[in-house]
Amino acid sequence: MVRKEIVPCVKAQEVLARLRQEYPQARCGLDFTTPFELLVATILSAQCTDDRVNMVTQNLFPKARTPEAILALGEEALQEEIRECGLFRNKAKNIIGTCQMILAEYGGDVPSDFVDLVRLPGVGRKTANVVLSNAFGTPAFPVDTHVFRVSNRIGLTPGKNPKEVEDGWVTLLDEGDWYDAHHLLIWHGRNVCKARQPLCRECVIIDLCATGQTSL
């Protein structure tokens, strides 16, 4: 069967439509109630699963869920609280530095501007976009390892780095679709388009995927 070539923007919408049907429950995997909690959780999520982060923050946040409380806890105690997340010493240092900057420069509130967010210790482009999108409802397209991998495999928005992949998606999709698309790609990457052994024959977008079609 010969398939007609799909125009990129139409193809992107078709990918999104199928993934929405496949993962209607797709949402942020980190548990949080405030922008600050999400910021801390996202810093902790570097090279760590959301499930593990949620286990750690379930214990941490009842003890310290504000910048003031984190600083009162202290860096050494914070290290012990987040040890299971890995890279705990560096993460604790960055969280302490972030708390200090939020109090000194932003009146204790997490900034809602991208430029201000990436000034915070331990906050890169992905973390800033996660906070903007999930805590403030600002159109943003975070690119984590799952989004990066799936995007390059599909071939719609290939990129050598996360910024290139992000630029590709924000060009192809309307702002209103960025939130869903980011989460849907993450869920697809975790469940089907896995890093080592992608389950291509179970993939609902295999006919739209440049890499997957080679496995047919």
Protein backbone atom coordinates (compact mmCIF):
# COMPACT_ATOMS: atom_id res chain seq x y z
CA MET A 1 0.00 0.00 0.00
CA VAL A 2 1.40 3.38 -1.05
CA ARG A 3 0.75 6.13 1.47
CA LYS A 4 0.37 9.72 0.37
CA GLU A 5 2.97 12.11 1.74
CA ILE A 6 1.54 14.25 4.53
CA VAL A 7 2.34 17.95 4.76
CA PRO A 8 4.40 18.53 7.97
CA CYS A 9 1.86 20.67 9.88
CA VAL A 10 -1.00 18.31 8.97
CA LYS A 11 1.18 15.34 9.91
CA ALA A 12 1.94 16.94 13.27
CA GLN A 13 -1.77 17.38 13.95
CA GLU A 14 -2.41 13.74 13.03
CA VAL A 15 0.34 12.58 15.38
CA LEU A 16 -1.20 14.67 18.13
CA ALA A 17 -4.73 13.42 17.46
CA ARG A 18 -3.71 9.77 17.64
CA LEU A 19 -1.65 10.22 20.79
CA ARG A 20 -4.53 12.08 22.46
CA GLN A 21 -6.75 9.09 21.79
CA GLU A 22 -4.08 6.70 23.06
CA TYR A 23 -3.21 8.65 26.23
CA PRO A 24 -6.26 10.66 27.35
CA GLN A 25 -4.82 10.76 30.87
CA ALA A 26 -1.50 12.35 29.86
CA ARG A 27 -0.46 15.12 32.25
CA CYS A 28 2.51 16.29 34.30
CA GLY A 29 3.94 13.32 36.18
CA LEU A 30 5.24 15.40 39.09
CA ASP A 31 3.06 16.01 42.14
CA PHE A 32 2.84 19.67 43.21
CA THR A 33 0.44 22.24 44.63
CA THR A 34 2.41 25.47 44.09
CA PRO A 35 4.86 26.84 41.51
CA PHE A 36 7.65 26.51 44.08
CA GLU A 37 6.91 22.84 44.69
CA LEU A 38 6.96 22.19 40.95
CA LEU A 39 10.22 24.09 40.59
CA VAL A 40 11.89 21.99 43.29
CA ALA A 41 10.43 18.76 41.93
CA THR A 42 11.64 19.53 38.42
CA ILE A 43 15.15 20.30 39.64
CA LEU A 44 15.09 16.95 41.44
CA SER A 45 13.86 15.14 38.31
CA ALA A 46 17.17 15.49 36.45
CA GLN A 47 18.32 11.93 35.69
CA CYS A 48 15.59 10.62 37.98
CA THR A 49 12.10 9.23 37.38
CA ASP A 50 8.99 11.20 38.27
CA ASP A 51 7.83 8.35 40.49
CA ARG A 52 11.02 8.52 42.54
CA VAL A 53 10.81 12.31 42.80
CA ASN A 54 7.21 12.05 43.99
CA MET A 55 8.25 9.60 46.70
CA VAL A 56 10.93 12.03 47.88
CA THR A 57 8.77 15.16 47.78
CA GLN A 58 5.95 13.33 49.56
CA ASN A 59 8.26 13.30 52.56
CA LEU A 60 10.03 16.61 51.92
CA PHE A 61 7.16 19.01 51.28
CA PRO A 62 5.29 18.44 54.56
CA LYS A 63 8.53 19.51 56.29
CA ALA A 64 9.58 22.29 53.90
CA ARG A 65 7.46 23.52 50.99
CA THR A 66 8.55 27.20 50.83
CA PRO A 67 11.91 28.89 50.18
CA GLU A 68 12.06 30.00 53.81
CA ALA A 69 11.41 26.49 55.10
CA ILE A 70 13.98 24.92 52.77
CA LEU A 71 16.63 27.38 53.98
CA ALA A 72 15.68 26.70 57.60
CA LEU A 73 16.10 23.00 56.92
CA GLY A 74 19.68 23.61 55.76
CA GLU A 75 21.75 22.13 52.96
CA GLU A 76 22.97 19.03 54.79
CA ALA A 77 19.50 18.05 55.96
CA LEU A 78 18.16 18.72 52.47
CA GLN A 79 20.78 16.39 51.04
CA GLU A 80 19.51 13.60 53.25
CA GLU A 81 15.91 14.30 52.28
CA ILE A 82 16.64 14.09 48.54
CA ARG A 83 19.40 11.46 48.56
CA GLU A 84 17.30 8.91 46.67
CA CYS A 85 16.99 11.26 43.68
CA GLY A 86 20.67 10.94 42.79
CA LEU A 87 23.12 13.81 42.29
CA PHE A 88 21.71 14.91 45.64
CA ARG A 89 24.64 17.10 46.69
CA ASN A 90 24.55 19.22 43.56
CA LYS A 91 20.75 19.34 43.56
CA ALA A 92 20.67 20.43 47.20
CA LYS A 93 23.21 23.19 46.50
CA ASN A 94 21.15 24.43 43.56
CA ILE A 95 17.86 24.33 45.48
CA ILE A 96 19.41 26.30 48.35
CA GLY A 97 20.80 28.85 45.89
CA THR A 98 17.47 29.09 44.14
CA CYS A 99 15.65 29.69 47.43
CA GLN A 100 18.09 32.44 48.35
CA MET A 101 17.66 34.17 44.99
CA ILE A 102 13.86 33.88 45.05
CA LEU A 103 13.77 35.55 48.46
CA ALA A 104 16.38 38.19 47.67
CA GLU A 105 15.25 39.18 44.20
CA TYR A 106 11.65 38.03 43.69
CA GLY A 107 9.97 38.66 47.03
CA GLY A 108 9.67 34.97 47.80
CA ASP A 109 7.65 34.15 44.67
CA VAL A 110 8.80 31.96 41.81
CA PRO A 111 9.26 34.24 38.79
CA SER A 112 6.85 33.65 35.92
CA ASP A 113 9.22 34.89 33.21
CA PHE A 114 11.54 32.57 31.27
CA VAL A 115 14.57 34.86 31.47
CA ASP A 116 14.19 35.19 35.23
CA LEU A 117 13.67 31.46 35.72
CA VAL A 118 16.83 30.40 33.91
CA ARG A 119 18.84 32.73 36.15
CA LEU A 120 18.04 30.48 39.10
CA PRO A 121 20.68 27.88 40.06
CA GLY A 122 19.92 24.48 38.58
CA VAL A 123 17.24 25.82 36.25
CA GLY A 124 17.82 25.27 32.55
CA ARG A 125 15.59 25.66 29.55
CA LYS A 126 13.57 22.48 30.15
CA THR A 127 12.93 23.19 33.83
CA ALA A 128 11.90 26.78 33.10
CA ASN A 129 9.47 25.64 30.41
CA VAL A 130 8.00 22.94 32.67
CA VAL A 131 7.27 25.55 35.34
CA LEU A 132 5.88 28.07 32.87
CA SER A 133 3.61 25.53 31.21
CA ASN A 134 2.38 23.55 34.21
CA ALA A 135 2.42 26.11 37.03
CA PHE A 136 1.58 29.34 35.21
CA GLY A 137 -0.29 28.16 32.12
CA THR A 138 2.13 30.02 29.87
CA PRO A 139 2.57 28.51 26.39
CA ALA A 140 5.90 26.66 26.45
CA PHE A 141 7.30 23.43 25.03
CA PRO A 142 9.65 21.60 27.41
CA VAL A 143 11.92 19.05 25.76
CA ASP A 144 13.10 16.26 28.03
CA THR A 145 14.88 13.04 27.02
CA HIS A 146 11.61 11.36 25.97
CA VAL A 147 10.42 14.27 23.84
CA PHE A 148 13.87 14.59 22.27
CA ARG A 149 14.09 10.89 21.42
CA VAL A 150 10.55 10.49 20.09
CA SER A 151 10.73 13.70 18.06
CA ASN A 152 13.92 12.66 16.32
CA ARG A 153 12.59 9.18 15.61
CA ILE A 154 9.36 10.49 14.12
CA GLY A 155 11.42 12.78 11.91
CA LEU A 156 9.00 15.71 12.04
CA THR A 157 11.15 17.89 14.26
CA PRO A 158 14.67 16.46 14.21
CA GLY A 159 17.32 18.35 16.13
CA LYS A 160 20.84 17.98 17.42
CA ASN A 161 19.84 19.51 20.74
CA PRO A 162 16.61 20.13 22.72
CA LYS A 163 16.35 23.75 21.57
CA GLU A 164 16.22 22.69 17.92
CA VAL A 165 13.50 20.13 18.68
CA GLU A 166 11.55 22.72 20.67
CA ASP A 167 11.78 25.23 17.83
CA GLY A 168 10.50 22.60 15.42
CA TRP A 169 7.38 21.80 17.44
CA VAL A 170 6.45 25.39 18.24
CA THR A 171 6.65 26.11 14.52
CA LEU A 172 4.43 23.19 13.53
CA LEU A 173 1.79 23.48 16.27
CA ASP A 174 -0.50 26.20 17.54
CA GLU A 175 0.31 27.50 21.02
CA GLY A 176 -2.82 25.91 22.36
CA ASP A 177 -1.47 22.46 21.48
CA TRP A 178 1.97 22.79 23.07
CA TYR A 179 0.90 21.66 26.54
CA ASP A 180 -0.79 18.49 25.31
CA ALA A 181 1.89 17.66 22.76
CA HIS A 182 4.70 17.82 25.29
CA HIS A 183 2.95 15.46 27.73
CA LEU A 184 1.74 13.10 25.01
CA LEU A 185 5.24 12.68 23.62
CA ILE A 186 6.56 11.95 27.11
CA TRP A 187 3.90 9.29 27.73
CA HIS A 188 4.53 7.73 24.32
CA GLY A 189 8.26 7.66 25.00
CA ARG A 190 7.78 5.97 28.36
CA ASN A 191 5.24 3.40 27.22
CA VAL A 192 6.03 2.56 23.60
CA CYS A 193 8.86 4.53 21.98
CA LYS A 194 11.38 3.40 24.58
CA ALA A 195 15.06 4.20 24.41
CA ARG A 196 16.51 0.70 24.02
CA GLN A 197 13.69 -1.46 22.71
CA PRO A 198 10.93 0.61 21.12
CA LEU A 199 7.67 -1.29 20.70
CA CYS A 200 7.16 -0.21 17.11
CA ARG A 201 4.53 -2.83 16.30
CA GLU A 202 2.38 -1.48 19.12
CA CYS A 203 2.77 2.14 18.01
CA VAL A 204 -0.31 4.05 16.88
CA ILE A 205 1.75 6.44 14.79
CA ILE A 206 4.11 3.95 13.15
CA ASP A 207 2.92 4.88 9.65
CA LEU A 208 3.76 8.52 10.41
CA CYS A 209 7.18 7.74 11.87
CA ALA A 210 10.29 7.88 9.73
CA THR A 211 12.13 5.41 11.96
CA GLY A 212 9.20 3.11 12.69
CA GLN A 213 8.39 2.52 9.03
CA THR A 214 11.73 0.76 8.60
CA SER A 215 10.55 -1.91 11.04
CA LEU A 216 7.39 -2.74 9.09
